Protein backbone atom coordinates (compact mmCIF):
# COMPACT_ATOMS: atom_id res chain seq x y z
CA UNK A 1 -111.68 -73.79 -16.21
CA UNK A 2 -111.12 -76.24 -17.53
CA UNK A 3 -112.70 -80.02 -17.55
CA UNK A 4 -110.77 -83.44 -18.09
CA UNK A 5 -112.63 -86.39 -17.49
CA UNK A 6 -115.75 -84.49 -16.21
CA UNK A 7 -112.42 -82.93 -13.98
CA UNK A 8 -112.49 -78.59 -13.33
CA UNK A 9 -108.98 -77.22 -13.48
CA UNK A 10 -107.93 -73.33 -13.01
CA UNK A 11 -106.17 -72.22 -15.94
CA UNK A 12 -103.68 -70.78 -14.21
CA UNK A 13 -102.62 -74.33 -13.43
CA UNK A 14 -98.98 -76.60 -15.08
CA UNK A 15 -100.68 -79.06 -17.33
CA UNK A 16 -98.46 -81.34 -16.10
CA UNK A 17 -99.54 -80.47 -12.61
CA UNK A 18 -103.18 -81.42 -13.16
CA UNK A 19 -102.33 -84.61 -14.93
CA UNK A 20 -100.83 -86.15 -12.01
CA UNK A 21 -103.66 -85.32 -9.89
CA UNK A 22 -105.09 -88.59 -11.75
CA UNK A 23 -104.26 -91.71 -9.30
CA UNK A 24 -102.23 -93.28 -12.08
CA UNK A 25 -100.40 -90.68 -13.58
CA UNK A 26 -97.05 -89.53 -12.94
CA UNK A 27 -94.25 -87.16 -13.48
CA UNK A 28 -93.36 -90.03 -16.39
CA UNK A 29 -96.63 -90.40 -17.77
CA UNK A 30 -97.75 -87.53 -17.93
CA UNK A 31 -94.36 -85.74 -19.31
CA UNK A 32 -95.15 -89.65 -22.30
CA UNK A 33 -98.42 -87.75 -23.35
CA UNK A 34 -97.56 -84.03 -22.27
CA UNK A 35 -94.88 -84.81 -25.49
CA UNK A 36 -96.95 -87.68 -28.09
CA UNK A 37 -99.68 -83.81 -27.64
CA UNK A 38 -96.87 -81.47 -28.40
CA UNK A 39 -97.25 -79.95 -25.26
CA UNK A 40 -94.55 -77.11 -23.62
CA UNK A 41 -93.75 -78.19 -20.21
CA UNK A 42 -94.63 -75.14 -18.42
CA UNK A 43 -97.98 -74.29 -19.64
CA UNK A 44 -101.50 -73.79 -18.49
CA UNK A 45 -104.40 -75.57 -18.74
CA UNK A 46 -105.91 -71.82 -20.46
CA UNK A 47 -103.76 -72.09 -22.80
CA UNK A 48 -104.46 -75.59 -24.82
CA UNK A 49 -106.42 -75.20 -27.87
CA UNK A 50 -110.55 -76.66 -27.51
CA UNK A 51 -108.49 -79.56 -29.32
CA UNK A 52 -106.02 -80.12 -27.76
CA UNK A 53 -108.17 -80.52 -24.62
CA UNK A 54 -110.19 -83.38 -26.61
CA UNK A 55 -107.36 -85.29 -27.62
CA UNK A 56 -105.82 -85.38 -23.23
CA UNK A 57 -109.62 -86.65 -22.46
CA UNK A 58 -110.11 -89.36 -26.29
CA UNK A 59 -106.68 -90.48 -25.00
CA UNK A 60 -107.30 -91.58 -20.78
CA UNK A 61 -110.34 -92.58 -21.01
CA UNK A 62 -108.57 -94.71 -22.94
CA UNK A 63 -106.52 -95.67 -19.86
CA UNK A 64 -106.67 -97.06 -15.87
CA UNK A 65 -107.51 -94.13 -14.20
CA UNK A 66 -108.88 -92.92 -11.12
CA UNK A 67 -111.09 -95.70 -9.92
CA UNK A 68 -110.73 -98.63 -11.98
CA UNK A 69 -107.47 -98.89 -11.10
CA UNK A 70 -108.17 -98.59 -7.13
CA UNK A 71 -111.05 -101.06 -8.19
CA UNK A 72 -107.86 -103.70 -10.05
CA UNK A 73 -106.02 -103.10 -6.53
CA UNK A 74 -108.07 -104.17 -4.56
CA UNK A 75 -109.45 -107.63 -6.98
CA UNK A 76 -105.96 -108.48 -6.84
CA UNK A 77 -105.35 -107.75 -3.66
CA UNK A 78 -108.71 -110.41 -2.72
CA UNK A 79 -107.14 -113.26 -4.66
CA UNK A 80 -103.92 -113.20 -2.52
CA UNK A 81 -106.48 -113.68 0.17
CA UNK A 82 -108.81 -116.31 -1.42
CA UNK A 83 -105.42 -118.61 -3.05
CA UNK A 84 -104.14 -117.93 0.36
CA UNK A 85 -100.67 -116.70 -1.11
CA UNK A 86 -98.32 -115.81 1.86
CA UNK A 87 -99.10 -112.07 0.72
CA UNK A 88 -102.61 -112.88 0.54
CA UNK A 89 -102.35 -113.97 4.70
CA UNK A 90 -100.25 -111.36 5.57
CA UNK A 91 -102.77 -108.46 3.39
CA UNK A 92 -105.47 -109.64 5.57
CA UNK A 93 -104.22 -109.99 8.78
CA UNK A 94 -103.08 -106.30 8.43
CA UNK A 95 -98.83 -107.11 8.78
CA UNK A 96 -96.86 -105.41 6.70
CA UNK A 97 -96.98 -107.30 2.88
CA UNK A 98 -92.95 -106.49 1.57
CA UNK A 99 -90.06 -107.85 4.70
CA UNK A 100 -90.50 -105.44 6.87
CA UNK A 101 -90.07 -105.50 10.88
CA UNK A 102 -91.85 -106.19 12.92
CA UNK A 103 -91.04 -105.89 16.39
CA UNK A 104 -90.44 -102.40 16.55
CA UNK A 105 -92.77 -99.51 16.19
């Protein structure tokens, strides 16, 4: 087991999939991080050296991920609600925010 940001990953998992499992990291961001640290796209977590794991953890700790990112999203929605904007009112009523139809289900 390899620990990255306190989360354990099996050694047979791909590094790309392990990075994408963090909330806030997608396909492009994980590929960019892997390229920055010279990690092959098909590399497994078990093949990483301890130095690489440490540098990955250091870089990921500077990014807004997981609960911090979710909290930011909730704060933005709450800000829109208190402002009384159209989107905020739609959020408060539980209706579609981005122009979807409400007549058909």
